[in-house]
C-alpha atoms as a PDB file:
ATOM      1  CA  MET A   1     -46.407 -42.301  37.384  1.00  0.00           C
ATOM      2  CA  PRO A   2     -43.860 -41.011  34.755  1.00  0.00           C
ATOM      3  CA  PRO A   3     -40.406 -41.915  35.199  1.00  0.00           C
ATOM      4  CA  ARG A   4     -37.928 -40.501  37.701  1.00  0.00           C
ATOM      5  CA  ALA A   5     -34.987 -38.434  35.915  1.00  0.00           C
ATOM      6  CA  THR A   6     -31.427 -39.315  36.041  1.00  0.00           C
ATOM      7  CA  VAL A   7     -28.470 -37.090  36.918  1.00  0.00           C
ATOM      8  CA  ALA A   8     -25.924 -37.861  34.501  1.00  0.00           C
ATOM      9  CA  PRO A   9     -22.322 -39.022  35.796  1.00  0.00           C
ATOM     10  CA  GLN A  10     -19.716 -35.986  35.677  1.00  0.00           C
ATOM     11  CA  PHE A  11     -17.422 -36.531  33.042  1.00  0.00           C
ATOM     12  CA  ASP A  12     -14.142 -37.426  34.337  1.00  0.00           C
ATOM     13  CA  LEU A  13     -11.249 -35.611  32.133  1.00  0.00           C
ATOM     14  CA  GLY A  14      -8.791 -37.696  33.234  1.00  0.00           C
ATOM     15  CA  SER A  15     -10.559 -41.554  32.807  1.00  0.00           C
ATOM     16  CA  PHE A  16     -11.130 -39.933  29.341  1.00  0.00           C
ATOM     17  CA  LEU A  17      -7.970 -39.071  28.228  1.00  0.00           C
ATOM     18  CA  GLY A  18      -6.750 -42.437  29.361  1.00  0.00           C
ATOM     19  CA  THR A  19      -8.939 -44.281  27.545  1.00  0.00           C
ATOM     20  CA  ALA A  20     -10.125 -42.524  24.381  1.00  0.00           C
ATOM     21  CA  GLY A  21      -8.416 -43.910  22.074  1.00  0.00           C
ATOM     22  CA  LEU A  22      -5.840 -41.439  21.322  1.00  0.00           C
ATOM     23  CA  THR A  23      -2.403 -41.029  19.661  1.00  0.00           C
ATOM     24  CA  ARG A  24      -1.140 -40.133  22.912  1.00  0.00           C
ATOM     25  CA  ARG A  25       2.624 -41.029  24.970  1.00  0.00           C
ATOM     26  CA  ILE A  26       2.443 -40.610  28.804  1.00  0.00           C
ATOM     27  CA  ALA A  27       6.364 -39.192  29.368  1.00  0.00           C
ATOM     28  CA  ARG A  28       7.717 -38.616  32.894  1.00  0.00           C
ATOM     29  CA  PHE A  29       9.685 -35.301  33.820  1.00  0.00           C
ATOM     30  CA  LYS A  30      12.127 -34.773  36.275  1.00  0.00           C
ATOM     31  CA  PRO A  31      12.042 -31.222  38.315  1.00  0.00           C
ATOM     32  CA  GLY A  32      14.209 -28.848  35.898  1.00  0.00           C
ATOM     33  CA  THR A  33      13.475 -31.205  32.480  1.00  0.00           C
ATOM     34  CA  VAL A  34      12.451 -28.944  29.745  1.00  0.00           C
ATOM     35  CA  ILE A  35       9.367 -30.965  27.881  1.00  0.00           C
ATOM     36  CA  PHE A  36       9.629 -27.980  24.655  1.00  0.00           C
ATOM     37  CA  GLU A  37      11.822 -25.253  24.277  1.00  0.00           C
ATOM     38  CA  GLN A  38      10.471 -21.869  22.691  1.00  0.00           C
ATOM     39  CA  GLY A  39      10.991 -21.810  19.041  1.00  0.00           C
ATOM     40  CA  ALA A  40      10.190 -25.654  18.721  1.00  0.00           C
ATOM     41  CA  PRO A  41       7.748 -26.971  15.705  1.00  0.00           C
ATOM     42  CA  ALA A  42       4.540 -26.689  17.815  1.00  0.00           C
ATOM     43  CA  THR A  43       2.719 -29.867  16.918  1.00  0.00           C
ATOM     44  CA  SER A  44       1.294 -31.321  19.661  1.00  0.00           C
ATOM     45  CA  VAL A  45      -0.887 -30.838  22.741  1.00  0.00           C
ATOM     46  CA  PHE A  46       0.534 -31.840  26.533  1.00  0.00           C
ATOM     47  CA  TYR A  47      -2.217 -32.377  29.841  1.00  0.00           C
ATOM     48  CA  LEU A  48      -0.712 -32.578  33.317  1.00  0.00           C
ATOM     49  CA  GLN A  49      -1.735 -35.609  34.765  1.00  0.00           C
ATOM     50  CA  GLU A  50       0.766 -34.978  37.868  1.00  0.00           C
ATOM     51  CA  GLY A  51       2.900 -32.580  38.923  1.00  0.00           C
ATOM     52  CA  GLN A  52       3.977 -28.880  38.108  1.00  0.00           C
ATOM     53  CA  VAL A  53       4.987 -27.369  34.814  1.00  0.00           C
ATOM     54  CA  LYS A  54       6.463 -23.907  34.398  1.00  0.00           C
ATOM     55  CA  LEU A  55       5.932 -21.955  31.178  1.00  0.00           C
ATOM     56  CA  ALA A  56       8.550 -19.283  30.438  1.00  0.00           C
ATOM     57  CA  VAL A  57       9.460 -16.500  27.619  1.00  0.00           C
ATOM     58  CA  VAL A  58      13.145 -15.786  26.434  1.00  0.00           C
ATOM     59  CA  SER A  59      13.691 -12.688  25.921  1.00  0.00           C
ATOM     60  CA  PRO A  60      16.121 -11.838  22.603  1.00  0.00           C
ATOM     61  CA  ARG A  61      18.944 -10.647  25.113  1.00  0.00           C
ATOM     62  CA  GLY A  62      17.959 -13.278  27.266  1.00  0.00           C
ATOM     63  CA  LYS A  63      15.986 -12.205  29.859  1.00  0.00           C
ATOM     64  CA  GLU A  64      12.933 -14.720  31.288  1.00  0.00           C
ATOM     65  CA  ALA A  65       9.976 -14.439  32.033  1.00  0.00           C
ATOM     66  CA  VAL A  66       8.232 -16.802  34.152  1.00  0.00           C
ATOM     67  CA  VAL A  67       3.979 -16.306  32.693  1.00  0.00           C
ATOM     68  CA  ALA A  68       2.647 -19.527  34.124  1.00  0.00           C
ATOM     69  CA  VAL A  69       2.866 -22.567  36.593  1.00  0.00           C
ATOM     70  CA  LEU A  70       0.684 -25.444  35.819  1.00  0.00           C
ATOM     71  CA  GLY A  71      -1.342 -27.793  37.904  1.00  0.00           C
ATOM     72  CA  PRO A  72      -2.421 -31.610  37.477  1.00  0.00           C
ATOM     73  CA  GLY A  73      -5.614 -31.079  35.131  1.00  0.00           C
ATOM     74  CA  ASP A  74      -3.951 -28.606  32.755  1.00  0.00           C
ATOM     75  CA  PHE A  75      -3.458 -29.053  29.760  1.00  0.00           C
ATOM     76  CA  PHE A  76      -1.148 -26.333  27.328  1.00  0.00           C
ATOM     77  CA  GLY A  77       0.387 -25.992  24.128  1.00  0.00           C
ATOM     78  CA  GLU A  78      -2.468 -25.391  22.969  1.00  0.00           C
ATOM     79  CA  GLY A  79      -1.377 -22.865  20.295  1.00  0.00           C
ATOM     80  CA  CYS A  80      -0.858 -25.263  18.013  1.00  0.00           C
ATOM     81  CA  LEU A  81      -4.652 -26.176  17.606  1.00  0.00           C
ATOM     82  CA  ALA A  82      -4.935 -22.001  16.615  1.00  0.00           C
ATOM     83  CA  GLY A  83      -2.320 -22.932  13.678  1.00  0.00           C
ATOM     84  CA  GLN A  84       0.551 -21.656  15.918  1.00  0.00           C
ATOM     85  CA  PRO A  85       3.344 -23.406  13.930  1.00  0.00           C
ATOM     86  CA  LEU A  86       6.424 -22.492  16.317  1.00  0.00           C
ATOM     87  CA  ARG A  87       6.048 -22.208  20.545  1.00  0.00           C
ATOM     88  CA  ILE A  88       6.322 -19.065  22.017  1.00  0.00           C
ATOM     89  CA  SER A  89       7.565 -20.122  25.182  1.00  0.00           C
ATOM     90  CA  THR A  90       9.401 -23.297  26.999  1.00  0.00           C
ATOM     91  CA  ALA A  91       7.577 -25.676  29.146  1.00  0.00           C
ATOM     92  CA  SER A  92       9.739 -27.241  31.750  1.00  0.00           C
ATOM     93  CA  ALA A  93       9.231 -29.455  35.005  1.00  0.00           C
ATOM     94  CA  ILE A  94       9.342 -27.819  38.499  1.00  0.00           C
ATOM     95  CA  ALA A  95       8.174 -30.853  40.335  1.00  0.00           C
ATOM     96  CA  ALA A  96       7.756 -34.888  39.149  1.00  0.00           C
ATOM     97  CA  SER A  97       5.823 -34.477  36.971  1.00  0.00           C
ATOM     98  CA  VAL A  98       3.508 -36.823  34.555  1.00  0.00           C
ATOM     99  CA  VAL A  99       2.907 -35.585  30.966  1.00  0.00           C
ATOM    100  CA  LEU A 100       0.266 -37.063  28.497  1.00  0.00           C
ATOM    101  CA  LYS A 101       1.208 -35.864  25.185  1.00  0.00           C
ATOM    102  CA  ILE A 102      -1.463 -35.682  21.805  1.00  0.00           C
ATOM    103  CA  ALA A 103      -0.652 -35.567  18.395  1.00  0.00           C
ATOM    104  CA  LYS A 104      -2.444 -32.346  17.272  1.00  0.00           C
ATOM    105  CA  ARG A 105      -4.490 -33.918  14.567  1.00  0.00           C
ATOM    106  CA  GLU A 106      -6.267 -36.994  17.092  1.00  0.00           C
ATOM    107  CA  MET A 107      -6.997 -33.307  19.205  1.00  0.00           C
ATOM    108  CA  MET A 108      -8.543 -31.802  16.984  1.00  0.00           C
ATOM    109  CA  ARG A 109     -10.056 -34.741  15.939  1.00  0.00           C
ATOM    110  CA  THR A 110     -11.692 -35.878  19.580  1.00  0.00           C
ATOM    111  CA  LEU A 111     -12.899 -32.062  19.904  1.00  0.00           C
ATOM    112  CA  HIS A 112     -15.143 -32.834  17.181  1.00  0.00           C
ATOM    113  CA  ASP A 113     -16.391 -35.769  18.138  1.00  0.00           C
ATOM    114  CA  GLN A 114     -16.288 -35.653  21.764  1.00  0.00           C
ATOM    115  CA  PRO A 115     -19.094 -32.815  22.728  1.00  0.00           C
ATOM    116  CA  SER A 116     -18.473 -33.905  26.490  1.00  0.00           C
ATOM    117  CA  PHE A 117     -14.485 -33.514  25.951  1.00  0.00           C
ATOM    118  CA  SER A 118     -15.048 -29.844  23.871  1.00  0.00           C
ATOM    119  CA  ASP A 119     -16.966 -28.403  26.461  1.00  0.00           C
ATOM    120  CA  ARG A 120     -14.355 -29.230  28.912  1.00  0.00           C
ATOM    121  CA  PHE A 121     -11.626 -27.803  26.606  1.00  0.00           C
ATOM    122  CA  ILE A 122     -13.808 -24.880  26.491  1.00  0.00           C
ATOM    123  CA  ALA A 123     -14.321 -24.355  29.811  1.00  0.00           C
ATOM    124  CA  HIS A 124     -10.369 -24.761  30.516  1.00  0.00           C
ATOM    125  CA  MET A 125      -9.317 -22.563  27.677  1.00  0.00           C
ATOM    126  CA  LEU A 126     -11.935 -19.859  29.646  1.00  0.00           C
ATOM    127  CA  THR A 127     -10.855 -20.377  32.722  1.00  0.00           C
ATOM    128  CA  ARG A 128      -6.903 -19.121  31.248  1.00  0.00           C
ATOM    129  CA  ASN A 129      -8.149 -16.441  29.139  1.00  0.00           C
ATOM    130  CA  ILE A 130      -9.616 -15.152  32.958  1.00  0.00           C
ATOM    131  CA  ARG A 131      -6.531 -16.109  34.653  1.00  0.00           C
ATOM    132  CA  VAL A 132      -4.354 -13.804  32.447  1.00  0.00           C
ATOM    133  CA  GLU A 133      -6.964 -10.901  32.141  1.00  0.00           C
ATOM    134  CA  GLU A 134      -6.380 -11.162  36.062  1.00  0.00           C
ATOM    135  CA  ASP A 135      -2.263 -11.073  35.910  1.00  0.00           C
ATOM    136  CA  LEU A 136      -2.309  -8.264  33.508  1.00  0.00           C
ATOM    137  CA  ILE A 137      -4.697  -6.173  35.809  1.00  0.00           C
ATOM    138  CA  ASP A 138      -2.217  -7.653  39.051  1.00  0.00           C
ATOM    139  CA  GLN A 139       0.455  -6.389  37.612  1.00  0.00           C
ATOM    140  CA  LEU A 140      -1.073  -3.298  36.797  1.00  0.00           C
ATOM    141  CA  PHE A 141      -2.586  -2.089  40.108  1.00  0.00           C
ATOM    142  CA  ASN A 142      -1.257  -4.563  42.982  1.00  0.00           C
ATOM    143  CA  SER A 143       2.110  -4.076  44.670  1.00  0.00           C
ATOM    144  CA  SER A 144       4.413  -6.895  44.709  1.00  0.00           C
ATOM    145  CA  GLU A 145       3.468  -8.528  47.848  1.00  0.00           C
ATOM    146  CA  LYS A 146      -0.220  -8.928  46.844  1.00  0.00           C
ATOM    147  CA  ARG A 147       1.433  -9.792  43.698  1.00  0.00           C
ATOM    148  CA  LEU A 148       3.386 -12.492  45.478  1.00  0.00           C
ATOM    149  CA  ALA A 149       0.317 -13.247  48.083  1.00  0.00           C
ATOM    150  CA  ARG A 150      -1.770 -14.376  45.133  1.00  0.00           C
ATOM    151  CA  ILE A 151       0.785 -16.354  43.174  1.00  0.00           C
ATOM    152  CA  LEU A 152       1.056 -18.570  46.255  1.00  0.00           C
ATOM    153  CA  LEU A 153      -2.296 -19.037  46.145  1.00  0.00           C
ATOM    154  CA  LEU A 154      -2.800 -19.839  43.305  1.00  0.00           C
ATOM    155  CA  LEU A 155      -0.222 -22.235  43.389  1.00  0.00           C
ATOM    156  CA  SER A 156      -1.095 -23.851  46.309  1.00  0.00           C
ATOM    157  CA  ARG A 157      -4.540 -24.474  44.068  1.00  0.00           C
ATOM    158  CA  TYR A 158      -6.364 -22.366  46.997  1.00  0.00           C
ATOM    159  CA  GLY A 159      -9.886 -22.441  46.502  1.00  0.00           C
ATOM    160  CA  SER A 160     -10.549 -25.977  45.216  1.00  0.00           C
ATOM    161  CA  GLY A 161     -12.175 -26.788  48.496  1.00  0.00           C
ATOM    162  CA  ASP A 162      -9.755 -27.667  50.449  1.00  0.00           C
ATOM    163  CA  VAL A 163      -9.149 -25.460  53.489  1.00  0.00           C
ATOM    164  CA  GLU A 164      -6.407 -26.978  55.208  1.00  0.00           C
ATOM    165  CA  PRO A 165      -2.618 -25.508  54.622  1.00  0.00           C
ATOM    166  CA  ARG A 166      -1.153 -27.243  51.167  1.00  0.00           C
ATOM    167  CA  THR A 167       3.117 -27.436  50.716  1.00  0.00           C
ATOM    168  CA  LEU A 168       4.234 -25.929  47.203  1.00  0.00           C
ATOM    169  CA  PRO A 169       6.913 -27.989  45.053  1.00  0.00           C
ATOM    170  CA  LYS A 170      10.230 -26.868  45.967  1.00  0.00           C
ATOM    171  CA  LEU A 171      10.382 -23.251  44.203  1.00  0.00           C
ATOM    172  CA  SER A 172      13.717 -21.113  44.373  1.00  0.00           C
ATOM    173  CA  GLN A 173      13.020 -17.129  44.521  1.00  0.00           C
ATOM    174  CA  GLU A 174      14.427 -16.544  41.443  1.00  0.00           C
ATOM    175  CA  THR A 175      11.526 -18.076  40.098  1.00  0.00           C
ATOM    176  CA  LEU A 176       8.906 -16.578  42.246  1.00  0.00           C
ATOM    177  CA  ALA A 177      10.819 -13.323  41.150  1.00  0.00           C
ATOM    178  CA  GLU A 178      10.489 -13.869  37.668  1.00  0.00           C
ATOM    179  CA  MET A 179       6.704 -14.306  38.375  1.00  0.00           C
ATOM    180  CA  VAL A 180       5.876 -11.300  40.303  1.00  0.00           C
ATOM    181  CA  GLY A 181       8.066  -8.829  38.454  1.00  0.00           C
ATOM    182  CA  THR A 182      10.581  -8.379  40.944  1.00  0.00           C
ATOM    183  CA  THR A 183      13.569  -8.805  42.685  1.00  0.00           C
ATOM    184  CA  ARG A 184      14.606 -11.879  44.399  1.00  0.00           C
ATOM    185  CA  SER A 185      15.608  -9.682  47.967  1.00  0.00           C
ATOM    186  CA  ARG A 186      12.444  -8.609  47.626  1.00  0.00           C
ATOM    187  CA  VAL A 187      10.645 -12.072  47.733  1.00  0.00           C
ATOM    188  CA  ASN A 188      13.095 -12.857  50.525  1.00  0.00           C
ATOM    189  CA  PHE A 189      11.632 -10.056  52.543  1.00  0.00           C
ATOM    190  CA  PHE A 190       8.474 -10.675  51.804  1.00  0.00           C
ATOM    191  CA  LEU A 191       8.624 -14.570  52.420  1.00  0.00           C
ATOM    192  CA  ASN A 192       9.698 -13.946  55.777  1.00  0.00           C
ATOM    193  CA  LYS A 193       7.525 -11.806  56.363  1.00  0.00           C
ATOM    194  CA  PHE A 194       4.431 -13.893  55.707  1.00  0.00           C
ATOM    195  CA  ARG A 195       6.156 -16.494  57.770  1.00  0.00           C
ATOM    196  CA  LYS A 196       6.111 -13.854  61.094  1.00  0.00           C
ATOM    197  CA  LEU A 197       2.442 -13.181  60.249  1.00  0.00           C
ATOM    198  CA  GLY A 198       1.789 -17.095  60.381  1.00  0.00           C
ATOM    199  CA  PHE A 199       0.586 -16.227  56.983  1.00  0.00           C
ATOM    200  CA  ILE A 200       2.586 -19.290  55.719  1.00  0.00           C
ATOM    201  CA  GLU A 201       5.696 -21.767  57.003  1.00  0.00           C
ATOM    202  CA  TYR A 202       8.934 -21.653  54.822  1.00  0.00           C
ATOM    203  CA  ASN A 203      11.882 -23.936  55.854  1.00  0.00           C
ATOM    204  CA  GLY A 204      13.035 -24.371  52.301  1.00  0.00           C
ATOM    205  CA  ARG A 205       9.391 -25.819  51.355  1.00  0.00           C
ATOM    206  CA  ILE A 206       6.258 -23.205  51.009  1.00  0.00           C
ATOM    207  CA  LYS A 207       3.122 -24.027  53.081  1.00  0.00           C
ATOM    208  CA  ILE A 208       0.181 -22.289  52.873  1.00  0.00           C
ATOM    209  CA  HIS A 209      -2.317 -21.069  55.484  1.00  0.00           C
ATOM    210  CA  PRO A 210      -5.383 -20.128  53.873  1.00  0.00           C
ATOM    211  CA  SER A 211      -4.853 -16.797  56.254  1.00  0.00           C
ATOM    212  CA  LEU A 212      -2.681 -15.752  53.492  1.00  0.00           C
ATOM    213  CA  LEU A 213      -5.913 -14.377  51.549  1.00  0.00           C
ATOM    214  CA  SER A 214      -5.541 -11.670  53.944  1.00  0.00           C
ATOM    215  CA  VAL A 215      -2.922 -10.248  52.141  1.00  0.00           C
ATOM    216  CA  VAL A 216      -4.713  -9.859  48.373  1.00  0.00           C
ATOM    217  CA  LEU A 217      -8.232  -8.703  50.150  1.00  0.00           C
ATOM    218  CA  HIS A 218      -6.115  -5.853  52.218  1.00  0.00           C
ATOM    219  CA  ASP A 219      -6.222  -2.458  51.028  1.00  0.00           C
END
């Protein structure tokens, strides 16, 4: 009788990063704390273990644009691996966050020596690229109401298997407006509309119901 095939255990990225012997530093950040600034030397990659982090770009005229809000399990600052000498954005915590900092040299070595880790990192980058493309399409073709609904669903990690309402870390309407590409007053109008329709609960903190997806799907 042939031996029974065994199923390899699922690769646990978080556990691997905690035990792989990387030259690393775990840091905790309070909400509003800057992790790295635009224009600073890019020498490390970061892995978000807990919390949420905002990536924002400031124009020469001082206008800020939020380009991403990251959650647990996301990498950021990976541009240094492709030869980026300086940070092109500022990363700051928007909720209490735990971040693993990995030196560029150690990250490169680990990607080369650990195929399982390399596969997960490549999958992360592909997912990030898909998200960027979707964001661009969203900006080009969808209304600000749909863009806000989609951003709220993304921030709540909708589609991760949890169908229960999820409460977002406290976000200002100004930050949401920057992400949507509209004004704070429009964001306030749509949030109140979503609340009246039962798509969200909103009292300082925003609790997202899966029914909000109907705004994105409605033509």
